[in-house]
Amino acid sequence: MSCYFQTGDLDLWNPSNSVARLFLAQAGVLAEFVGLPSGLAGIVDDECEVDPEVFEPFVRELIDRHDGSVHPVLRGMLEGFIIPAAVMVERGGGRIPVSWSDRTERASGSMTRG
């Protein structure tokens, strides 16, 4: 089984259900951490709607926190979420900082769309 992260009819990512649940749980914790909504709805019928107007600023704030920190553990923890999230932002037509392009290009190939 898998879960579709989508914006309208556009599929952004189609991970397994366990990966989708973990990603969504991380988003909830990180939203609390930065004080912003994530833009991710709950999973309903193996689908999770992504609001790009909310999701992109959320991901950008996480990138800013990552890039502004010198704490290696914090940076590592954030990076694990940011990379797939940034791929989703790009697939949805949004933009991420150029400094993240190499990381998202490498990850994008392993992130199926369905």
PDB file of N, CA and C in Angstrom:
ATOM      1  N   MET A   1       0.845  -1.177   0.000  1.00  0.00           N
ATOM      2  CA  MET A   1       0.000   0.000   0.000  1.00  0.00           C
ATOM      3  C   MET A   1       0.894   1.245   0.000  1.00  0.00           C
ATOM      4  N   SER A   2       0.307   2.325  -0.493  1.00  0.00           N
ATOM      5  CA  SER A   2       1.045   3.579  -0.543  1.00  0.00           C
ATOM      6  C   SER A   2       0.083   4.749  -0.340  1.00  0.00           C
ATOM      7  N   CYS A   3       0.659   5.905  -0.184  1.00  0.00           N
ATOM      8  CA  CYS A   3      -0.116   7.119   0.070  1.00  0.00           C
ATOM      9  C   CYS A   3       0.307   8.181  -0.928  1.00  0.00           C
ATOM     10  N   TYR A   4      -0.659   8.868  -1.499  1.00  0.00           N
ATOM     11  CA  TYR A   4      -0.371   9.948  -2.435  1.00  0.00           C
ATOM     12  C   TYR A   4      -0.378  11.289  -1.713  1.00  0.00           C
ATOM     13  N   PHE A   5       0.753  11.991  -1.768  1.00  0.00           N
ATOM     14  CA  PHE A   5       0.793  13.389  -1.358  1.00  0.00           C
ATOM     15  C   PHE A   5       0.507  14.168  -2.632  1.00  0.00           C
ATOM     16  N   GLN A   6      -0.532  14.981  -2.601  1.00  0.00           N
ATOM     17  CA  GLN A   6      -0.959  15.634  -3.835  1.00  0.00           C
ATOM     18  C   GLN A   6      -1.465  17.040  -3.595  1.00  0.00           C
ATOM     19  N   THR A   7      -1.393  17.812  -4.654  1.00  0.00           N
ATOM     20  CA  THR A   7      -1.974  19.144  -4.700  1.00  0.00           C
ATOM     21  C   THR A   7      -3.000  19.100  -5.816  1.00  0.00           C
ATOM     22  N   GLY A   8      -4.265  19.042  -5.442  1.00  0.00           N
ATOM     23  CA  GLY A   8      -5.291  18.861  -6.467  1.00  0.00           C
ATOM     24  C   GLY A   8      -5.074  17.530  -7.156  1.00  0.00           C
ATOM     25  N   ASP A   9      -4.945  17.561  -8.478  1.00  0.00           N
ATOM     26  CA  ASP A   9      -4.720  16.340  -9.250  1.00  0.00           C
ATOM     27  C   ASP A   9      -3.245  16.047  -9.492  1.00  0.00           C
ATOM     28  N   LEU A  10      -2.366  16.880  -8.968  1.00  0.00           N
ATOM     29  CA  LEU A  10      -0.928  16.717  -9.188  1.00  0.00           C
ATOM     30  C   LEU A  10      -0.327  15.863  -8.078  1.00  0.00           C
ATOM     31  N   ASP A  11       0.211  14.707  -8.444  1.00  0.00           N
ATOM     32  CA  ASP A  11       0.887  13.843  -7.478  1.00  0.00           C
ATOM     33  C   ASP A  11       2.292  14.358  -7.238  1.00  0.00           C
ATOM     34  N   LEU A  12       2.614  14.586  -5.956  1.00  0.00           N
ATOM     35  CA  LEU A  12       3.931  15.081  -5.581  1.00  0.00           C
ATOM     36  C   LEU A  12       4.853  13.964  -5.123  1.00  0.00           C
ATOM     37  N   TRP A  13       4.275  12.956  -4.485  1.00  0.00           N
ATOM     38  CA  TRP A  13       5.069  11.859  -3.935  1.00  0.00           C
ATOM     39  C   TRP A  13       4.127  10.731  -3.591  1.00  0.00           C
ATOM     40  N   ASN A  14       4.605   9.488  -3.751  1.00  0.00           N
ATOM     41  CA  ASN A  14       3.793   8.314  -3.458  1.00  0.00           C
ATOM     42  C   ASN A  14       4.607   7.297  -2.661  1.00  0.00           C
ATOM     43  N   PRO A  15       4.918   7.615  -1.393  1.00  0.00           N
ATOM     44  CA  PRO A  15       5.686   6.670  -0.579  1.00  0.00           C
ATOM     45  C   PRO A  15       4.783   5.567  -0.013  1.00  0.00           C
ATOM     46  N   SER A  16       5.424   4.565   0.584  1.00  0.00           N
ATOM     47  CA  SER A  16       4.670   3.533   1.283  1.00  0.00           C
ATOM     48  C   SER A  16       3.903   4.184   2.434  1.00  0.00           C
ATOM     49  N   ASN A  17       2.883   3.508   2.906  1.00  0.00           N
ATOM     50  CA  ASN A  17       2.070   4.060   3.997  1.00  0.00           C
ATOM     51  C   ASN A  17       2.899   4.325   5.251  1.00  0.00           C
ATOM     52  N   SER A  18       3.836   3.430   5.554  1.00  0.00           N
ATOM     53  CA  SER A  18       4.637   3.640   6.773  1.00  0.00           C
ATOM     54  C   SER A  18       5.524   4.878   6.631  1.00  0.00           C
ATOM     55  N   VAL A  19       6.116   5.087   5.476  1.00  0.00           N
ATOM     56  CA  VAL A  19       6.933   6.280   5.257  1.00  0.00           C
ATOM     57  C   VAL A  19       6.051   7.524   5.277  1.00  0.00           C
ATOM     58  N   ALA A  20       4.874   7.444   4.674  1.00  0.00           N
ATOM     59  CA  ALA A  20       3.949   8.583   4.659  1.00  0.00           C
ATOM     60  C   ALA A  20       3.533   8.971   6.072  1.00  0.00           C
ATOM     61  N   ARG A  21       3.216   7.983   6.904  1.00  0.00           N
ATOM     62  CA  ARG A  21       2.814   8.270   8.286  1.00  0.00           C
ATOM     63  C   ARG A  21       3.959   8.895   9.079  1.00  0.00           C
ATOM     64  N   LEU A  22       5.175   8.393   8.886  1.00  0.00           N
ATOM     65  CA  LEU A  22       6.336   8.962   9.574  1.00  0.00           C
ATOM     66  C   LEU A  22       6.578  10.404   9.119  1.00  0.00           C
ATOM     67  N   PHE A  23       6.518  10.651   7.814  1.00  0.00           N
ATOM     68  CA  PHE A  23       6.716  12.000   7.280  1.00  0.00           C
ATOM     69  C   PHE A  23       5.669  12.959   7.846  1.00  0.00           C
ATOM     70  N   LEU A  24       4.419  12.524   7.881  1.00  0.00           N
ATOM     71  CA  LEU A  24       3.341  13.367   8.408  1.00  0.00           C
ATOM     72  C   LEU A  24       3.519  13.634   9.899  1.00  0.00           C
ATOM     73  N   ALA A  25       3.960  12.629  10.650  1.00  0.00           N
ATOM     74  CA  ALA A  25       4.216  12.820  12.083  1.00  0.00           C
ATOM     75  C   ALA A  25       5.368  13.804  12.295  1.00  0.00           C
ATOM     76  N   GLN A  26       6.422  13.677  11.507  1.00  0.00           N
ATOM     77  CA  GLN A  26       7.537  14.620  11.601  1.00  0.00           C
ATOM     78  C   GLN A  26       7.063  16.032  11.278  1.00  0.00           C
ATOM     79  N   ALA A  27       6.218  16.171  10.270  1.00  0.00           N
ATOM     80  CA  ALA A  27       5.705  17.492   9.895  1.00  0.00           C
ATOM     81  C   ALA A  27       4.975  18.130  11.070  1.00  0.00           C
ATOM     82  N   GLY A  28       4.193  17.335  11.789  1.00  0.00           N
ATOM     83  CA  GLY A  28       3.465  17.865  12.938  1.00  0.00           C
ATOM     84  C   GLY A  28       4.396  18.378  14.025  1.00  0.00           C
ATOM     85  N   VAL A  29       5.433  17.620  14.321  1.00  0.00           N
ATOM     86  CA  VAL A  29       6.400  18.033  15.339  1.00  0.00           C
ATOM     87  C   VAL A  29       7.163  19.268  14.873  1.00  0.00           C
ATOM     88  N   LEU A  30       7.569  19.284  13.615  1.00  0.00           N
ATOM     89  CA  LEU A  30       8.339  20.418  13.104  1.00  0.00           C
ATOM     90  C   LEU A  30       7.480  21.672  12.989  1.00  0.00           C
ATOM     91  N   ALA A  31       6.198  21.515  12.706  1.00  0.00           N
ATOM     92  CA  ALA A  31       5.299  22.672  12.676  1.00  0.00           C
ATOM     93  C   ALA A  31       5.231  23.317  14.055  1.00  0.00           C
ATOM     94  N   GLU A  32       5.178  22.492  15.065  1.00  0.00           N
ATOM     95  CA  GLU A  32       5.184  23.004  16.439  1.00  0.00           C
ATOM     96  C   GLU A  32       6.530  23.657  16.752  1.00  0.00           C
ATOM     97  N   PHE A  33       7.604  23.061  16.310  1.00  0.00           N
ATOM     98  CA  PHE A  33       8.963  23.565  16.541  1.00  0.00           C
ATOM     99  C   PHE A  33       9.152  24.969  15.967  1.00  0.00           C
ATOM    100  N   VAL A  34       8.658  25.208  14.743  1.00  0.00           N
ATOM    101  CA  VAL A  34       8.854  26.513  14.102  1.00  0.00           C
ATOM    102  C   VAL A  34       7.659  27.449  14.268  1.00  0.00           C
ATOM    103  N   GLY A  35       6.559  26.941  14.806  1.00  0.00           N
ATOM    104  CA  GLY A  35       5.389  27.782  15.037  1.00  0.00           C
ATOM    105  C   GLY A  35       4.624  28.150  13.781  1.00  0.00           C
ATOM    106  N   LEU A  36       4.656  27.273  12.795  1.00  0.00           N
ATOM    107  CA  LEU A  36       3.919  27.492  11.547  1.00  0.00           C
ATOM    108  C   LEU A  36       3.121  26.245  11.195  1.00  0.00           C
ATOM    109  N   PRO A  37       1.994  26.392  10.522  1.00  0.00           N
ATOM    110  CA  PRO A  37       1.292  25.201  10.041  1.00  0.00           C
ATOM    111  C   PRO A  37       2.093  24.561   8.915  1.00  0.00           C
ATOM    112  N   SER A  38       1.942  23.246   8.760  1.00  0.00           N
ATOM    113  CA  SER A  38       2.715  22.532   7.749  1.00  0.00           C
ATOM    114  C   SER A  38       2.090  22.589   6.357  1.00  0.00           C
ATOM    115  N   GLY A  39       0.792  22.748   6.293  1.00  0.00           N
ATOM    116  CA  GLY A  39       0.119  22.708   4.996  1.00  0.00           C
ATOM    117  C   GLY A  39      -0.220  21.301   4.544  1.00  0.00           C
ATOM    118  N   LEU A  40      -0.019  20.321   5.409  1.00  0.00           N
ATOM    119  CA  LEU A  40      -0.332  18.936   5.099  1.00  0.00           C
ATOM    120  C   LEU A  40      -1.592  18.520   5.837  1.00  0.00           C
ATOM    121  N   ALA A  41      -2.563  18.017   5.089  1.00  0.00           N
ATOM    122  CA  ALA A  41      -3.777  17.505   5.709  1.00  0.00           C
ATOM    123  C   ALA A  41      -3.503  16.083   6.199  1.00  0.00           C
ATOM    124  N   GLY A  42      -4.403  15.538   6.934  1.00  0.00           N
ATOM    125  CA  GLY A  42      -4.257  14.153   7.369  1.00  0.00           C
ATOM    126  C   GLY A  42      -4.452  13.194   6.206  1.00  0.00           C
ATOM    127  N   ILE A  43      -4.077  11.948   6.408  1.00  0.00           N
ATOM    128  CA  ILE A  43      -4.239  10.927   5.382  1.00  0.00           C
ATOM    129  C   ILE A  43      -5.678  10.435   5.397  1.00  0.00           C
ATOM    130  N   VAL A  44      -6.332  10.532   4.249  1.00  0.00           N
ATOM    131  CA  VAL A  44      -7.698  10.050   4.073  1.00  0.00           C
ATOM    132  C   VAL A  44      -7.726   9.210   2.802  1.00  0.00           C
ATOM    133  N   ASP A  45      -8.142   7.956   2.935  1.00  0.00           N
ATOM    134  CA  ASP A  45      -8.193   7.053   1.780  1.00  0.00           C
ATOM    135  C   ASP A  45      -6.871   7.024   1.020  1.00  0.00           C
ATOM    136  N   ASP A  46      -5.781   6.901   1.751  1.00  0.00           N
ATOM    137  CA  ASP A  46      -4.427   6.820   1.183  1.00  0.00           C
ATOM    138  C   ASP A  46      -4.034   8.048   0.377  1.00  0.00           C
ATOM    139  N   GLU A  47      -4.557   9.191   0.756  1.00  0.00           N
ATOM    140  CA  GLU A  47      -4.194  10.457   0.118  1.00  0.00           C
ATOM    141  C   GLU A  47      -3.988  11.529   1.182  1.00  0.00           C
ATOM    142  N   CYS A  48      -3.024  12.408   0.916  1.00  0.00           N
ATOM    143  CA  CYS A  48      -2.761  13.537   1.800  1.00  0.00           C
ATOM    144  C   CYS A  48      -2.681  14.781   0.936  1.00  0.00           C
ATOM    145  N   GLU A  49      -3.598  15.683   1.144  1.00  0.00           N
ATOM    146  CA  GLU A  49      -3.625  16.923   0.365  1.00  0.00           C
ATOM    147  C   GLU A  49      -2.577  17.896   0.912  1.00  0.00           C
ATOM    148  N   VAL A  50      -1.826  18.493  -0.009  1.00  0.00           N
ATOM    149  CA  VAL A  50      -0.777  19.455   0.332  1.00  0.00           C
ATOM    150  C   VAL A  50      -1.237  20.831  -0.134  1.00  0.00           C
ATOM    151  N   ASP A  51      -1.280  21.779   0.784  1.00  0.00           N
ATOM    152  CA  ASP A  51      -1.615  23.161   0.433  1.00  0.00           C
ATOM    153  C   ASP A  51      -0.311  23.885   0.133  1.00  0.00           C
ATOM    154  N   PRO A  52      -0.001  24.131  -1.145  1.00  0.00           N
ATOM    155  CA  PRO A  52       1.292  24.718  -1.480  1.00  0.00           C
ATOM    156  C   PRO A  52       1.493  26.122  -0.937  1.00  0.00           C
ATOM    157  N   GLU A  53       0.411  26.853  -0.715  1.00  0.00           N
ATOM    158  CA  GLU A  53       0.516  28.217  -0.175  1.00  0.00           C
ATOM    159  C   GLU A  53       1.009  28.216   1.272  1.00  0.00           C
ATOM    160  N   VAL A  54       0.798  27.105   1.959  1.00  0.00           N
ATOM    161  CA  VAL A  54       1.218  26.963   3.357  1.00  0.00           C
ATOM    162  C   VAL A  54       2.479  26.103   3.454  1.00  0.00           C
ATOM    163  N   PHE A  55       2.539  25.055   2.641  1.00  0.00           N
ATOM    164  CA  PHE A  55       3.654  24.104   2.710  1.00  0.00           C
ATOM    165  C   PHE A  55       4.986  24.740   2.327  1.00  0.00           C
ATOM    166  N   GLU A  56       5.014  25.513   1.249  1.00  0.00           N
ATOM    167  CA  GLU A  56       6.277  26.110   0.813  1.00  0.00           C
ATOM    168  C   GLU A  56       6.893  27.037   1.872  1.00  0.00           C
ATOM    169  N   PRO A  57       6.128  27.962   2.475  1.00  0.00           N
ATOM    170  CA  PRO A  57       6.728  28.793   3.536  1.00  0.00           C
ATOM    171  C   PRO A  57       7.197  27.966   4.742  1.00  0.00           C
ATOM    172  N   PHE A  58       6.479  26.911   5.049  1.00  0.00           N
ATOM    173  CA  PHE A  58       6.876  26.013   6.141  1.00  0.00           C
ATOM    174  C   PHE A  58       8.237  25.385   5.829  1.00  0.00           C
ATOM    175  N   VAL A  59       8.388  24.861   4.626  1.00  0.00           N
ATOM    176  CA  VAL A  59       9.648  24.226   4.233  1.00  0.00           C
ATOM    177  C   VAL A  59      10.771  25.262   4.180  1.00  0.00           C
ATOM    178  N   ARG A  60      10.474  26.446   3.682  1.00  0.00           N
ATOM    179  CA  ARG A  60      11.493  27.500   3.632  1.00  0.00           C
ATOM    180  C   ARG A  60      11.962  27.889   5.045  1.00  0.00           C
ATOM    181  N   GLU A  61      11.043  27.932   5.989  1.00  0.00           N
ATOM    182  CA  GLU A  61      11.427  28.243   7.373  1.00  0.00           C
ATOM    183  C   GLU A  61      12.327  27.150   7.940  1.00  0.00           C
ATOM    184  N   LEU A  62      12.020  25.899   7.637  1.00  0.00           N
ATOM    185  CA  LEU A  62      12.875  24.804   8.096  1.00  0.00           C
ATOM    186  C   LEU A  62      14.262  24.904   7.477  1.00  0.00           C
ATOM    187  N   ILE A  63      14.322  25.248   6.200  1.00  0.00           N
ATOM    188  CA  ILE A  63      15.611  25.428   5.528  1.00  0.00           C
ATOM    189  C   ILE A  63      16.383  26.567   6.186  1.00  0.00           C
ATOM    190  N   ASP A  64      15.707  27.668   6.476  1.00  0.00           N
ATOM    191  CA  ASP A  64      16.367  28.794   7.150  1.00  0.00           C
ATOM    192  C   ASP A  64      16.908  28.382   8.510  1.00  0.00           C
ATOM    193  N   ARG A  65      16.129  27.605   9.261  1.00  0.00           N
ATOM    194  CA  ARG A  65      16.590  27.144  10.579  1.00  0.00           C
ATOM    195  C   ARG A  65      17.806  26.230  10.423  1.00  0.00           C
ATOM    196  N   HIS A  66      17.731  25.331   9.439  1.00  0.00           N
ATOM    197  CA  HIS A  66      18.857  24.427   9.174  1.00  0.00           C
ATOM    198  C   HIS A  66      20.105  25.211   8.817  1.00  0.00           C
ATOM    199  N   ASP A  67      19.974  26.090   7.836  1.00  0.00           N
ATOM    200  CA  ASP A  67      21.130  26.819   7.329  1.00  0.00           C
ATOM    201  C   ASP A  67      21.695  27.816   8.344  1.00  0.00           C
ATOM    202  N   GLY A  68      20.860  28.265   9.266  1.00  0.00           N
ATOM    203  CA  GLY A  68      21.303  29.216  10.272  1.00  0.00           C
ATOM    204  C   GLY A  68      21.876  28.580  11.521  1.00  0.00           C
ATOM    205  N   SER A  69      21.872  27.264  11.577  1.00  0.00           N
ATOM    206  CA  SER A  69      22.350  26.564  12.767  1.00  0.00           C
ATOM    207  C   SER A  69      23.744  25.988  12.540  1.00  0.00           C
ATOM    208  N   VAL A  70      24.515  25.945  13.618  1.00  0.00           N
ATOM    209  CA  VAL A  70      25.814  25.268  13.578  1.00  0.00           C
ATOM    210  C   VAL A  70      25.757  23.948  14.355  1.00  0.00           C
ATOM    211  N   HIS A  71      24.580  23.611  14.862  1.00  0.00           N
ATOM    212  CA  HIS A  71      24.427  22.392  15.662  1.00  0.00           C
ATOM    213  C   HIS A  71      24.286  21.194  14.721  1.00  0.00           C
ATOM    214  N   PRO A  72      25.272  20.295  14.693  1.00  0.00           N
ATOM    215  CA  PRO A  72      25.244  19.210  13.708  1.00  0.00           C
ATOM    216  C   PRO A  72      24.077  18.237  13.868  1.00  0.00           C
ATOM    217  N   VAL A  73      23.644  17.984  15.084  1.00  0.00           N
ATOM    218  CA  VAL A  73      22.530  17.056  15.283  1.00  0.00           C
ATOM    219  C   VAL A  73      21.224  17.694  14.797  1.00  0.00           C
ATOM    220  N   LEU A  74      20.992  18.957  15.156  1.00  0.00           N
ATOM    221  CA  LEU A  74      19.797  19.649  14.684  1.00  0.00           C
ATOM    222  C   LEU A  74      19.773  19.693  13.162  1.00  0.00           C
ATOM    223  N   ARG A  75      20.889  20.031  12.560  1.00  0.00           N
ATOM    224  CA  ARG A  75      20.962  20.105  11.095  1.00  0.00           C
ATOM    225  C   ARG A  75      20.648  18.749  10.465  1.00  0.00           C
ATOM    226  N   GLY A  76      21.177  17.684  11.025  1.00  0.00           N
ATOM    227  CA  GLY A  76      20.916  16.341  10.510  1.00  0.00           C
ATOM    228  C   GLY A  76      19.457  15.948  10.636  1.00  0.00           C
ATOM    229  N   MET A  77      18.871  16.269  11.777  1.00  0.00           N
ATOM    230  CA  MET A  77      17.457  15.927  11.988  1.00  0.00           C
ATOM    231  C   MET A  77      16.566  16.699  11.023  1.00  0.00           C
ATOM    232  N   LEU A  78      16.847  17.966  10.841  1.00  0.00           N
ATOM    233  CA  LEU A  78      16.040  18.771   9.919  1.00  0.00           C
ATOM    234  C   LEU A  78      16.222  18.324   8.471  1.00  0.00           C
ATOM    235  N   GLU A  79      17.438  18.013   8.099  1.00  0.00           N
ATOM    236  CA  GLU A  79      17.724  17.641   6.716  1.00  0.00           C
ATOM    237  C   GLU A  79      16.941  16.404   6.277  1.00  0.00           C
ATOM    238  N   GLY A  80      16.777  15.453   7.182  1.00  0.00           N
ATOM    239  CA  GLY A  80      16.028  14.242   6.854  1.00  0.00           C
ATOM    240  C   GLY A  80      14.595  14.518   6.434  1.00  0.00           C
ATOM    241  N   PHE A  81      14.008  15.558   6.962  1.00  0.00           N
ATOM    242  CA  PHE A  81      12.649  15.943   6.566  1.00  0.00           C
ATOM    243  C   PHE A  81      12.679  16.913   5.386  1.00  0.00           C
ATOM    244  N   ILE A  82      13.600  17.860   5.425  1.00  0.00           N
ATOM    245  CA  ILE A  82      13.624  18.915   4.416  1.00  0.00           C
ATOM    246  C   ILE A  82      13.807  18.366   3.011  1.00  0.00           C
ATOM    247  N   ILE A  83      14.673  17.396   2.830  1.00  0.00           N
ATOM    248  CA  ILE A  83      14.975  16.938   1.470  1.00  0.00           C
ATOM    249  C   ILE A  83      13.722  16.437   0.748  1.00  0.00           C
ATOM    250  N   PRO A  84      12.960  15.476   1.281  1.00  0.00           N
ATOM    251  CA  PRO A  84      11.761  15.074   0.547  1.00  0.00           C
ATOM    252  C   PRO A  84      10.723  16.198   0.469  1.00  0.00           C
ATOM    253  N   ALA A  85      10.641  17.021   1.504  1.00  0.00           N
ATOM    254  CA  ALA A  85       9.690  18.135   1.482  1.00  0.00           C
ATOM    255  C   ALA A  85      10.052  19.128   0.381  1.00  0.00           C
ATOM    256  N   ALA A  86      11.340  19.412   0.221  1.00  0.00           N
ATOM    257  CA  ALA A  86      11.783  20.343  -0.813  1.00  0.00           C
ATOM    258  C   ALA A  86      11.520  19.786  -2.208  1.00  0.00           C
ATOM    259  N   VAL A  87      11.678  18.479  -2.380  1.00  0.00           N
ATOM    260  CA  VAL A  87      11.337  17.854  -3.665  1.00  0.00           C
ATOM    261  C   VAL A  87       9.856  18.069  -3.957  1.00  0.00           C
ATOM    262  N   MET A  88       9.019  17.894  -2.950  1.00  0.00           N
ATOM    263  CA  MET A  88       7.579  18.100  -3.134  1.00  0.00           C
ATOM    264  C   MET A  88       7.272  19.551  -3.499  1.00  0.00           C
ATOM    265  N   VAL A  89       7.952  20.495  -2.856  1.00  0.00           N
ATOM    266  CA  VAL A  89       7.759  21.913  -3.180  1.00  0.00           C
ATOM    267  C   VAL A  89       8.087  22.144  -4.655  1.00  0.00           C
ATOM    268  N   GLU A  90       9.224  21.632  -5.090  1.00  0.00           N
ATOM    269  CA  GLU A  90       9.629  21.815  -6.491  1.00  0.00           C
ATOM    270  C   GLU A  90       8.645  21.165  -7.452  1.00  0.00           C
ATOM    271  N   ARG A  91       8.202  19.964  -7.134  1.00  0.00           N
ATOM    272  CA  ARG A  91       7.248  19.269  -7.998  1.00  0.00           C
ATOM    273  C   ARG A  91       5.917  20.002  -8.079  1.00  0.00           C
ATOM    274  N   GLY A  92       5.608  20.748  -7.044  1.00  0.00           N
ATOM    275  CA  GLY A  92       4.370  21.521  -7.036  1.00  0.00           C
ATOM    276  C   GLY A  92       4.509  22.881  -7.695  1.00  0.00           C
ATOM    277  N   GLY A  93       5.694  23.174  -8.243  1.00  0.00           N
ATOM    278  CA  GLY A  93       5.913  24.439  -8.924  1.00  0.00           C
ATOM    279  C   GLY A  93       6.532  25.520  -8.054  1.00  0.00           C
ATOM    280  N   GLY A  94       6.862  25.186  -6.806  1.00  0.00           N
ATOM    281  CA  GLY A  94       7.469  26.151  -5.905  1.00  0.00           C
ATOM    282  C   GLY A  94       8.970  26.191  -6.077  1.00  0.00           C
ATOM    283  N   ARG A  95       9.583  27.043  -5.287  1.00  0.00           N
ATOM    284  CA  ARG A  95      11.034  27.222  -5.381  1.00  0.00           C
ATOM    285  C   ARG A  95      11.679  27.025  -4.022  1.00  0.00           C
ATOM    286  N   ILE A  96      12.863  26.474  -4.071  1.00  0.00           N
ATOM    287  CA  ILE A  96      13.674  26.328  -2.864  1.00  0.00           C
ATOM    288  C   ILE A  96      15.020  26.991  -3.134  1.00  0.00           C
ATOM    289  N   PRO A  97      15.785  27.284  -2.085  1.00  0.00           N
ATOM    290  CA  PRO A  97      17.094  27.899  -2.311  1.00  0.00           C
ATOM    291  C   PRO A  97      17.995  27.028  -3.196  1.00  0.00           C
ATOM    292  N   VAL A  98      18.735  27.664  -4.053  1.00  0.00           N
ATOM    293  CA  VAL A  98      19.634  26.975  -4.983  1.00  0.00           C
ATOM    294  C   VAL A  98      20.613  26.070  -4.231  1.00  0.00           C
ATOM    295  N   SER A  99      20.981  26.459  -3.039  1.00  0.00           N
ATOM    296  CA  SER A  99      21.946  25.671  -2.259  1.00  0.00           C
ATOM    297  C   SER A  99      21.440  24.259  -1.952  1.00  0.00           C
ATOM    298  N   TRP A 100      20.153  24.020  -2.108  1.00  0.00           N
ATOM    299  CA  TRP A 100      19.554  22.711  -1.847  1.00  0.00           C
ATOM    300  C   TRP A 100      19.332  21.906  -3.120  1.00  0.00           C
ATOM    301  N   SER A 101      19.606  22.467  -4.275  1.00  0.00           N
ATOM    302  CA  SER A 101      19.309  21.820  -5.555  1.00  0.00           C
ATOM    303  C   SER A 101      19.974  20.459  -5.719  1.00  0.00           C
ATOM    304  N   ASP A 102      21.252  20.348  -5.367  1.00  0.00           N
ATOM    305  CA  ASP A 102      21.940  19.060  -5.516  1.00  0.00           C
ATOM    306  C   ASP A 102      21.291  17.977  -4.668  1.00  0.00           C
ATOM    307  N   ARG A 103      20.933  18.328  -3.450  1.00  0.00           N
ATOM    308  CA  ARG A 103      20.316  17.342  -2.548  1.00  0.00           C
ATOM    309  C   ARG A 103      18.948  16.906  -3.057  1.00  0.00           C
ATOM    310  N   THR A 104      18.164  17.850  -3.560  1.00  0.00           N
ATOM    311  CA  THR A 104      16.832  17.477  -4.039  1.00  0.00           C
ATOM    312  C   THR A 104      16.908  16.696  -5.347  1.00  0.00           C
ATOM    313  N   GLU A 105      17.864  17.022  -6.193  1.00  0.00           N
ATOM    314  CA  GLU A 105      18.022  16.260  -7.441  1.00  0.00           C
ATOM    315  C   GLU A 105      18.359  14.803  -7.148  1.00  0.00           C
ATOM    316  N   ARG A 106      19.264  14.570  -6.209  1.00  0.00           N
ATOM    317  CA  ARG A 106      19.636  13.196  -5.858  1.00  0.00           C
ATOM    318  C   ARG A 106      18.444  12.434  -5.270  1.00  0.00           C
ATOM    319  N   ALA A 107      17.666  13.070  -4.425  1.00  0.00           N
ATOM    320  CA  ALA A 107      16.551  12.409  -3.763  1.00  0.00           C
ATOM    321  C   ALA A 107      15.359  12.204  -4.688  1.00  0.00           C
ATOM    322  N   SER A 108      15.160  13.109  -5.607  1.00  0.00           N
ATOM    323  CA  SER A 108      13.980  13.077  -6.461  1.00  0.00           C
ATOM    324  C   SER A 108      13.826  11.765  -7.222  1.00  0.00           C
ATOM    325  N   GLY A 109      14.930  11.210  -7.687  1.00  0.00           N
ATOM    326  CA  GLY A 109      14.874   9.963  -8.446  1.00  0.00           C
ATOM    327  C   GLY A 109      14.332   8.789  -7.664  1.00  0.00           C
ATOM    328  N   SER A 110      14.489   8.821  -6.356  1.00  0.00           N
ATOM    329  CA  SER A 110      14.002   7.698  -5.531  1.00  0.00           C
ATOM    330  C   SER A 110      12.619   7.964  -4.940  1.00  0.00           C
ATOM    331  N   MET A 111      12.047   9.121  -5.261  1.00  0.00           N
ATOM    332  CA  MET A 111      10.725   9.474  -4.728  1.00  0.00           C
ATOM    333  C   MET A 111       9.680   9.331  -5.832  1.00  0.00           C
ATOM    334  N   THR A 112       9.017   8.182  -5.855  1.00  0.00           N
ATOM    335  CA  THR A 112       8.038   7.913  -6.909  1.00  0.00           C
ATOM    336  C   THR A 112       6.839   8.839  -6.795  1.00  0.00           C
ATOM    337  N   ARG A 113       6.220   9.067  -7.931  1.00  0.00           N
ATOM    338  CA  ARG A 113       5.018   9.901  -7.991  1.00  0.00           C
ATOM    339  C   ARG A 113       3.765   9.078  -8.145  1.00  0.00           C
ATOM    340  N   GLY A 114       3.898   7.814  -8.294  1.00  0.00           N
ATOM    341  CA  GLY A 114       2.704   6.975  -8.408  1.00  0.00           C
ATOM    342  C   GLY A 114       2.642   6.177  -9.659  1.00  0.00           C
TER     343      GLY A 114
END
